[in-house]
Amino acid sequence: MEQYIPLSVPNLKGNELKCLTEAVSAEWVSTSGSFVTGFENEFAKYANVPVAAAVQSGTAALHLAMIECGIGAGDLVIAPTLTFIAAVNPITYVGAEPVFLDCDDSLCIDPIKLERYLAEECQSRDGKIYDKTLGKQIKAILVVHIFGNGADMESIMKIAESYDLPVIEDATEAVGTFYNTGRYKGQMAGTIGDIGTYSFNGNKIITTGGGGMLVARDPKHVKHARHLATQAKSDELYFDHDEIGFNYRMTNIQAAMGVAQLEQLEDFIDIKYNNYLRYKELGIDLLPFSDYVRPNYWFYSHITDDRDKLIQHLEENKVQSRPVWKLIHTLPMYEKCRTFSIDKAYTYHKSIVNIPCSSNLKTDDLSRVAELIKRRPISAI
C-alpha cells in the first residue's frame, strides 16, 4: 500500500532527543535556560552576526522588528503582496498600513517597481517620504525572501539608502540562504537590512516546533527586542517593568531542538539541492532560484496551467501539494489598502504548485511524484 507523501515535514534524525532529554532532565523547560542562550549564540555564529534573540515565532520577530524601526499608528510600510499573511499582519499590530507591491521572477518584491513607486507616487518633505495619495509617511520597506530564494538586495538596499528608509528582512523561509556575488557576497539573507527575522515553524528547513529569531545591524536593537520579548522586565526579583512588553521569548525546550537542528542545516540544504536537481532530471519543470544566491531550496515551485486539477490529482494519489498563497491585497482585511502596479504576482498565483520537498524524501518518493505529474490523466487537465 502506497504511503502518503506530505509536502514538507521535519527531519528529526540528529541529536534532537538527546538535547530535549537534557533540557527535561534539568527541569528547565520555560523561557530561559542554557539551550536558549546556546541556540542564540550558535545561530549568531552561523549567520555571522554579533548577537541574536530567540523568540516564539517568526511573526513575533516581525512584530518586534516593526517596533524597533519606530513604526506606529498612521505610518505606511511597503510590502509584497505575494507572501504569507504572517509577514504583513505585524504591520497592522503597530497600527500602520501596508502598501502592496508586485513581485519579480524571484517571487520576491520587485526593486524596479519599488523605485518607480517611490519616485512617482511619493514625495519628500522635511527629510521624510510621504505617499502623495494617502498623505502618510513611508517608514520602512519589508522584504520577504520567498521559498528560500533571495530578493535582489543589492538593488533594494541602494533604493532604501537613497530614500533613507530602513529595511526589514523577512527571512523566515530562507534560513541558510546567502548571497554569492556582488556587494553582499557571503552575507546571509536576513543580515543585510536593518533588522532580519527567521522562522523555525514545523514545515521550515530546520524547526523548533514553533519559534523564531531576530538579528539586526545594530546589536542594540536585538538586545532591546529581547527585553521586550520577556515582558520588558527590568528587575528579575521585584517585577519592575519599564515598557509594555510581550510573552515572546523562546522556551528552553524549543531551543534544545533548535541546537540539534542547526547542527544539520547544511546537510539538509545539500539534500534539498540534490532533490531539486533530481526532480528536474525526471522532467519536472521547476521555477529556478536566483543565480546571485546560494538558496536553501526550501520549497520547489512547479509551474502549470492547470493548478487546481493537478493539486486534486496528486491528493487523490496520496501526494500533498499546495498553491501559492492568495495575494494579500485581495483578502478582505487588506483589499482597501494602497497597491502599486501589481500584475506578475497574479500570474504566479495562478500557476504555482508546490510539490513535496522534505529533506527526508526517498528516491522512490521523488520518482513517484514526478511520474504522477508527468502522467496525470487527461481528465485531470
Protein backbone atom coordinates (compact mmCIF):
# COMPACT_ATOMS: atom_id res chain seq x y z
CA MET A 1 0.00 0.00 0.00
CA GLU A 2 1.46 3.36 -1.03
CA GLN A 3 2.28 5.77 1.78
CA TYR A 4 1.07 9.35 1.79
CA ILE A 5 3.82 11.80 0.77
CA PRO A 6 3.48 15.07 2.71
CA LEU A 7 4.57 18.44 1.37
CA SER A 8 7.16 19.47 3.97
CA VAL A 9 7.78 17.74 7.30
CA PRO A 10 10.61 17.91 9.87
CA ASN A 11 13.73 15.79 9.66
CA LEU A 12 14.46 14.80 13.27
CA LYS A 13 17.20 12.21 12.97
CA GLY A 14 20.04 14.08 14.69
CA ASN A 15 20.62 14.95 18.35
CA GLU A 16 17.10 16.26 18.97
CA LEU A 17 16.13 13.59 21.51
CA LYS A 18 19.47 13.92 23.32
CA CYS A 19 19.13 17.70 23.66
CA LEU A 20 15.47 17.52 24.65
CA THR A 21 16.25 14.88 27.28
CA GLU A 22 18.96 17.12 28.69
CA ALA A 23 16.55 20.06 28.90
CA VAL A 24 13.86 17.95 30.60
CA SER A 25 16.39 16.37 32.97
CA ALA A 26 17.50 19.84 34.03
CA GLU A 27 13.81 20.63 34.72
CA TRP A 28 14.26 23.94 32.93
CA VAL A 29 11.73 23.98 30.12
CA SER A 30 10.33 27.52 30.01
CA THR A 31 11.50 30.86 28.64
CA SER A 32 15.11 30.79 29.75
CA GLY A 33 17.79 28.22 30.25
CA SER A 34 21.11 27.20 28.79
CA PHE A 35 19.72 25.99 25.46
CA VAL A 36 18.10 29.35 24.70
CA THR A 37 21.41 31.15 25.14
CA GLY A 38 23.23 28.36 23.34
CA PHE A 39 20.89 28.43 20.36
CA GLU A 40 21.18 32.21 20.09
CA ASN A 41 24.96 32.02 20.18
CA GLU A 42 25.19 29.20 17.64
CA PHE A 43 22.74 30.90 15.29
CA ALA A 44 24.61 34.20 15.54
CA LYS A 45 27.84 32.36 14.72
CA TYR A 46 26.22 30.61 11.74
CA ALA A 47 24.72 33.84 10.39
CA ASN A 48 27.93 35.78 11.16
CA VAL A 49 26.20 38.42 13.28
CA PRO A 50 27.20 39.68 16.74
CA VAL A 51 24.02 38.67 18.57
CA ALA A 52 20.60 37.09 18.01
CA ALA A 53 17.36 36.95 20.02
CA ALA A 54 15.32 33.73 20.09
CA VAL A 55 11.56 34.30 20.15
CA GLN A 56 8.30 32.39 19.94
CA SER A 57 7.76 32.69 16.18
CA GLY A 58 8.77 34.47 13.01
CA THR A 59 5.63 36.55 13.45
CA ALA A 60 6.77 37.65 16.91
CA ALA A 61 10.16 38.57 15.45
CA LEU A 62 8.48 40.69 12.77
CA HIS A 63 6.28 42.43 15.34
CA LEU A 64 9.36 43.31 17.37
CA ALA A 65 11.14 44.45 14.21
CA MET A 66 8.32 46.90 13.48
CA ILE A 67 8.65 48.33 16.98
CA GLU A 68 12.43 48.59 16.70
CA CYS A 69 12.06 50.56 13.46
CA GLY A 70 9.78 53.07 15.16
CA ILE A 71 6.74 52.18 13.06
CA GLY A 72 3.43 53.20 14.57
CA ALA A 73 -0.12 54.39 14.05
CA GLY A 74 -0.74 56.10 10.72
CA ASP A 75 2.55 55.04 9.16
CA LEU A 76 2.99 53.10 5.90
CA VAL A 77 5.21 50.09 5.24
CA ILE A 78 5.97 48.93 1.69
CA ALA A 79 5.34 45.19 1.47
CA PRO A 80 4.95 42.44 -1.14
CA THR A 81 1.51 41.09 -1.93
CA LEU A 82 2.90 37.64 -2.83
CA THR A 83 3.75 36.32 0.61
CA PHE A 84 2.29 34.52 3.61
CA ILE A 85 -0.07 36.71 5.62
CA ALA A 86 2.10 36.44 8.76
CA ALA A 87 4.64 38.68 7.03
CA VAL A 88 2.11 41.50 6.70
CA ASN A 89 -0.05 41.23 9.82
CA PRO A 90 2.65 42.64 12.14
CA ILE A 91 2.44 45.91 10.22
CA THR A 92 -1.11 46.24 11.50
CA TYR A 93 -0.16 45.16 15.03
CA VAL A 94 1.62 48.51 15.45
CA GLY A 95 -1.22 50.48 13.85
CA ALA A 96 0.47 51.00 10.48
CA GLU A 97 -0.76 50.12 6.98
CA PRO A 98 0.87 48.14 4.17
CA VAL A 99 1.40 49.45 0.66
CA PHE A 100 1.43 46.41 -1.62
CA LEU A 101 3.91 45.94 -4.46
CA ASP A 102 4.41 43.32 -7.15
CA CYS A 103 6.98 40.52 -7.30
CA ASP A 104 9.63 39.86 -9.94
CA ASP A 105 10.66 36.43 -11.22
CA SER A 106 12.40 35.62 -7.93
CA LEU A 107 8.87 35.79 -6.39
CA CYS A 108 10.30 38.49 -4.09
CA ILE A 109 9.45 42.20 -4.14
CA ASP A 110 10.30 43.85 -7.47
CA PRO A 111 13.02 46.52 -6.98
CA ILE A 112 12.19 48.20 -10.32
CA LYS A 113 8.60 48.80 -9.23
CA LEU A 114 9.79 49.73 -5.74
CA GLU A 115 11.89 52.53 -7.21
CA ARG A 116 9.05 53.60 -9.52
CA TYR A 117 6.59 53.77 -6.64
CA LEU A 118 8.91 55.90 -4.52
CA ALA A 119 9.81 58.18 -7.45
CA GLU A 120 6.34 58.58 -8.98
CA GLU A 121 3.89 58.16 -6.08
CA CYS A 122 5.81 59.66 -3.16
CA GLN A 123 7.34 62.98 -2.21
CA SER A 124 9.94 64.19 0.26
CA ARG A 125 9.02 66.69 2.98
CA ASP A 126 11.38 67.69 5.76
CA GLY A 127 13.60 64.72 5.03
CA LYS A 128 10.72 62.23 5.23
CA ILE A 129 8.98 60.28 2.46
CA TYR A 130 5.21 60.52 2.06
CA ASP A 131 2.75 58.75 -0.20
CA LYS A 132 1.18 61.58 -2.22
CA THR A 133 -2.24 59.92 -2.44
CA LEU A 134 -2.58 58.95 1.21
CA GLY A 135 -0.55 61.79 2.70
CA LYS A 136 1.07 59.34 5.12
CA GLN A 137 4.73 58.71 5.86
CA ILE A 138 6.57 55.68 4.48
CA LYS A 139 8.51 54.32 7.46
CA ALA A 140 10.10 51.11 6.14
CA ILE A 141 10.41 48.54 3.37
CA LEU A 142 9.53 44.94 4.20
CA VAL A 143 11.40 42.42 2.02
CA VAL A 144 10.36 38.76 2.10
CA HIS A 145 12.71 36.08 0.78
CA ILE A 146 10.23 33.66 -0.79
CA PHE A 147 10.64 29.85 -0.69
CA GLY A 148 14.34 30.10 0.19
CA ASN A 149 15.15 32.35 -2.75
CA GLY A 150 16.83 35.70 -2.16
CA ALA A 151 15.40 39.08 -3.08
CA ASP A 152 17.60 41.43 -5.13
CA MET A 153 19.05 43.03 -2.01
CA GLU A 154 21.76 44.94 -3.84
CA SER A 155 19.15 46.91 -5.79
CA ILE A 156 16.75 47.18 -2.88
CA MET A 157 19.38 48.48 -0.46
CA LYS A 158 20.54 51.14 -2.95
CA ILE A 159 16.96 52.36 -3.23
CA ALA A 160 16.41 52.26 0.54
CA GLU A 161 19.62 54.16 1.18
CA SER A 162 18.75 56.84 -1.36
CA TYR A 163 15.40 57.44 0.39
CA ASP A 164 16.80 56.88 3.92
CA LEU A 165 14.31 54.08 4.61
CA PRO A 166 15.01 51.17 6.96
CA VAL A 167 14.71 47.66 5.54
CA ILE A 168 13.16 44.78 7.48
CA GLU A 169 14.06 41.37 6.06
CA ASP A 170 11.62 38.52 6.48
CA ALA A 171 13.96 35.56 6.01
CA THR A 172 11.56 33.16 7.69
CA GLU A 173 11.74 30.84 4.67
CA ALA A 174 15.41 31.49 3.91
CA VAL A 175 17.42 30.18 6.86
CA GLY A 176 20.79 29.31 5.31
CA THR A 177 20.36 31.25 2.07
CA PHE A 178 23.33 33.52 1.33
CA TYR A 179 24.50 35.85 -1.44
CA ASN A 180 27.37 34.60 -3.60
CA THR A 181 28.03 37.65 -5.77
CA GLY A 182 28.06 41.42 -5.60
CA ARG A 183 28.13 43.87 -2.73
CA TYR A 184 26.76 41.37 -0.21
CA LYS A 185 28.79 38.33 -1.22
CA GLY A 186 28.97 35.91 1.69
CA GLN A 187 26.15 37.51 3.68
CA MET A 188 23.13 35.56 4.83
CA ALA A 189 19.60 36.55 3.89
CA GLY A 190 18.27 38.43 6.89
CA THR A 191 21.60 40.07 7.79
CA ILE A 192 21.69 42.79 5.11
CA GLY A 193 18.83 45.10 6.03
CA ASP A 194 18.41 46.94 9.33
CA ILE A 195 16.61 44.04 11.03
CA GLY A 196 16.20 40.40 9.96
CA THR A 197 13.76 37.75 11.11
CA TYR A 198 13.67 33.96 10.84
CA SER A 199 11.17 31.17 11.50
CA PHE A 200 11.58 27.63 12.79
CA ASN A 201 7.99 26.51 12.28
CA GLY A 202 7.31 22.81 11.80
CA ASN A 203 7.47 22.97 8.00
CA LYS A 204 10.67 25.04 7.76
CA ILE A 205 14.09 23.69 6.78
CA ILE A 206 15.02 23.49 10.47
CA THR A 207 12.41 23.54 13.20
CA THR A 208 11.91 24.13 16.89
CA GLY A 209 8.25 23.12 16.57
CA GLY A 210 7.41 26.80 16.63
CA GLY A 211 9.91 29.58 17.09
CA GLY A 212 11.83 32.41 15.51
CA MET A 213 14.94 34.56 15.67
CA LEU A 214 15.70 38.27 15.32
CA VAL A 215 19.01 39.78 14.23
CA ALA A 216 19.95 43.38 13.42
CA ARG A 217 22.72 45.52 12.01
CA ASP A 218 22.80 47.39 15.33
CA PRO A 219 23.09 44.93 18.26
CA LYS A 220 21.16 47.40 20.43
CA HIS A 221 18.00 46.51 18.52
CA VAL A 222 18.49 42.82 19.28
CA LYS A 223 19.05 43.45 22.97
CA HIS A 224 16.02 45.73 23.20
CA ALA A 225 13.86 43.25 21.28
CA ARG A 226 14.91 40.51 23.71
CA HIS A 227 13.95 42.84 26.58
CA LEU A 228 10.51 43.43 25.07
CA ALA A 229 10.10 39.70 24.43
CA THR A 230 10.47 38.98 28.15
CA GLN A 231 7.70 41.38 29.25
CA ALA A 232 10.18 44.28 29.46
CA LYS A 233 11.23 43.13 32.91
CA SER A 234 13.92 45.45 34.25
CA ASP A 235 14.29 43.77 37.64
CA GLU A 236 14.16 39.98 37.90
CA LEU A 237 13.32 39.91 41.59
CA TYR A 238 10.95 42.83 42.20
CA PHE A 239 8.96 42.64 38.95
CA ASP A 240 9.86 46.07 37.67
CA HIS A 241 8.78 46.61 34.04
CA ASP A 242 9.84 49.73 32.16
CA GLU A 243 7.85 49.29 28.92
CA ILE A 244 4.88 47.39 27.54
CA GLY A 245 6.38 44.01 26.74
CA PHE A 246 5.31 40.68 25.32
CA ASN A 247 5.46 36.98 26.14
CA TYR A 248 7.57 36.33 23.04
CA ARG A 249 10.66 34.55 24.40
CA MET A 250 11.58 31.11 23.08
CA THR A 251 11.38 28.22 25.55
CA ASN A 252 14.33 26.07 26.58
CA ILE A 253 12.57 23.01 25.11
CA GLN A 254 12.22 24.69 21.72
CA ALA A 255 15.80 25.91 21.82
CA ALA A 256 17.08 22.42 22.65
CA MET A 257 15.56 21.16 19.43
CA GLY A 258 16.94 24.21 17.61
CA VAL A 259 20.51 23.46 18.70
CA ALA A 260 20.24 19.92 17.31
CA GLN A 261 18.57 21.07 14.09
CA LEU A 262 21.12 23.80 13.41
CA GLU A 263 23.89 21.19 13.53
CA GLN A 264 22.30 19.57 10.47
CA LEU A 265 21.27 22.62 8.45
CA GLU A 266 23.97 22.44 5.79
CA ASP A 267 23.30 18.71 5.33
CA PHE A 268 19.60 19.47 4.87
CA ILE A 269 20.42 22.10 2.25
CA ASP A 270 22.61 19.61 0.35
CA ILE A 271 19.80 17.05 0.37
CA LYS A 272 17.22 19.56 -0.79
CA TYR A 273 19.53 20.78 -3.56
CA ASN A 274 20.06 17.23 -4.81
CA ASN A 275 16.32 16.51 -4.65
CA TYR A 276 15.64 19.70 -6.61
CA LEU A 277 18.08 18.55 -9.30
CA ARG A 278 16.56 15.06 -9.28
CA TYR A 279 13.07 16.42 -9.95
CA LYS A 280 14.46 18.36 -12.90
CA GLU A 281 16.29 15.27 -14.19
CA LEU A 282 12.96 13.45 -14.02
CA GLY A 283 11.45 16.08 -16.33
CA ILE A 284 9.62 18.28 -13.82
CA ASP A 285 9.59 21.99 -14.66
CA LEU A 286 10.57 23.90 -11.52
CA LEU A 287 10.94 27.62 -11.02
CA PRO A 288 14.68 28.44 -10.90
CA PHE A 289 16.35 30.13 -7.96
CA SER A 290 18.25 33.38 -8.46
CA ASP A 291 21.85 32.91 -9.58
CA TYR A 292 23.11 35.57 -7.14
CA VAL A 293 22.30 33.41 -4.10
CA ARG A 294 23.07 30.01 -2.69
CA PRO A 295 19.45 29.25 -1.75
CA ASN A 296 18.35 26.80 0.90
CA TYR A 297 15.97 25.18 -1.64
CA TRP A 298 13.18 25.19 0.92
CA PHE A 299 10.21 24.90 -1.48
CA TYR A 300 10.02 23.64 -5.06
CA SER A 301 7.60 25.52 -7.32
CA HIS A 302 6.19 23.64 -10.31
CA ILE A 303 4.69 25.90 -12.99
CA THR A 304 1.49 24.66 -14.61
CA ASP A 305 -1.61 25.94 -16.36
CA ASP A 306 -3.90 23.50 -14.51
CA ARG A 307 -3.06 24.28 -10.89
CA ASP A 308 -6.23 23.15 -9.13
CA LYS A 309 -6.72 19.97 -11.15
CA LEU A 310 -3.11 18.95 -10.60
CA ILE A 311 -3.42 19.51 -6.83
CA GLN A 312 -6.56 17.38 -6.81
CA HIS A 313 -4.91 14.66 -8.91
CA LEU A 314 -1.91 14.47 -6.60
CA GLU A 315 -4.10 14.38 -3.49
CA GLU A 316 -6.15 11.53 -4.96
CA ASN A 317 -2.87 9.65 -5.32
CA LYS A 318 -1.71 10.36 -1.76
CA VAL A 319 0.67 13.18 -2.56
CA GLN A 320 0.31 16.54 -0.81
CA SER A 321 0.86 19.75 -2.74
CA ARG A 322 -0.38 23.31 -2.41
CA PRO A 323 -0.93 26.52 -4.37
CA VAL A 324 0.92 29.71 -3.54
CA TRP A 325 -0.86 31.99 -1.09
CA LYS A 326 -3.74 34.23 -2.10
CA LEU A 327 -2.37 37.68 -2.85
CA ILE A 328 -2.60 39.64 0.39
CA HIS A 329 -4.18 42.74 -1.16
CA THR A 330 -7.14 40.60 -2.33
CA LEU A 331 -8.03 39.43 1.20
CA PRO A 332 -10.97 41.21 2.86
CA MET A 333 -8.94 42.90 5.62
CA TYR A 334 -6.44 44.33 3.13
CA GLU A 335 -8.47 44.93 -0.04
CA LYS A 336 -8.77 48.67 0.64
CA CYS A 337 -5.02 49.16 1.10
CA ARG A 338 -2.83 51.03 -1.33
CA THR A 339 -1.39 48.97 -4.20
CA PHE A 340 1.03 49.79 -6.98
CA SER A 341 1.44 48.15 -10.39
CA ILE A 342 0.64 44.54 -9.47
CA ASP A 343 0.49 42.13 -12.39
CA LYS A 344 3.21 39.45 -12.29
CA ALA A 345 2.03 38.25 -8.88
CA TYR A 346 -1.33 37.33 -10.41
CA THR A 347 0.40 35.12 -12.99
CA TYR A 348 2.43 33.24 -10.40
CA HIS A 349 -0.56 32.91 -8.10
CA LYS A 350 -2.47 31.09 -10.83
CA SER A 351 0.36 28.83 -11.97
CA ILE A 352 2.46 27.66 -8.99
CA VAL A 353 2.02 24.26 -7.37
CA ASN A 354 4.46 23.50 -4.57
CA ILE A 355 5.39 19.81 -4.57
CA PRO A 356 6.92 17.61 -1.82
CA CYS A 357 10.30 18.92 -0.69
CA SER A 358 11.08 17.40 2.72
CA SER A 359 14.73 16.64 3.37
CA ASN A 360 13.79 13.07 4.29
CA LEU A 361 12.18 12.23 0.93
CA LYS A 362 13.31 8.92 -0.51
CA THR A 363 14.42 8.40 -4.11
CA ASP A 364 11.27 6.37 -4.77
CA ASP A 365 9.15 9.23 -3.41
CA LEU A 366 10.70 11.67 -5.87
CA SER A 367 10.14 9.29 -8.76
CA ARG A 368 6.53 8.67 -7.74
CA VAL A 369 5.72 12.38 -7.50
CA ALA A 370 7.40 13.09 -10.83
CA GLU A 371 5.58 10.24 -12.55
CA LEU A 372 2.22 11.42 -11.24
CA ILE A 373 2.87 14.95 -12.51
CA LYS A 374 4.01 13.79 -15.94
CA ARG A 375 1.45 11.00 -16.41
CA ARG A 376 -1.64 12.58 -14.97
CA PRO A 377 -4.72 11.51 -16.92
CA ILE A 378 -6.37 13.76 -19.48
CA SER A 379 -9.38 14.07 -17.19
CA ALA A 380 -7.13 15.85 -14.67
CA ILE A 381 -6.05 18.51 -17.15
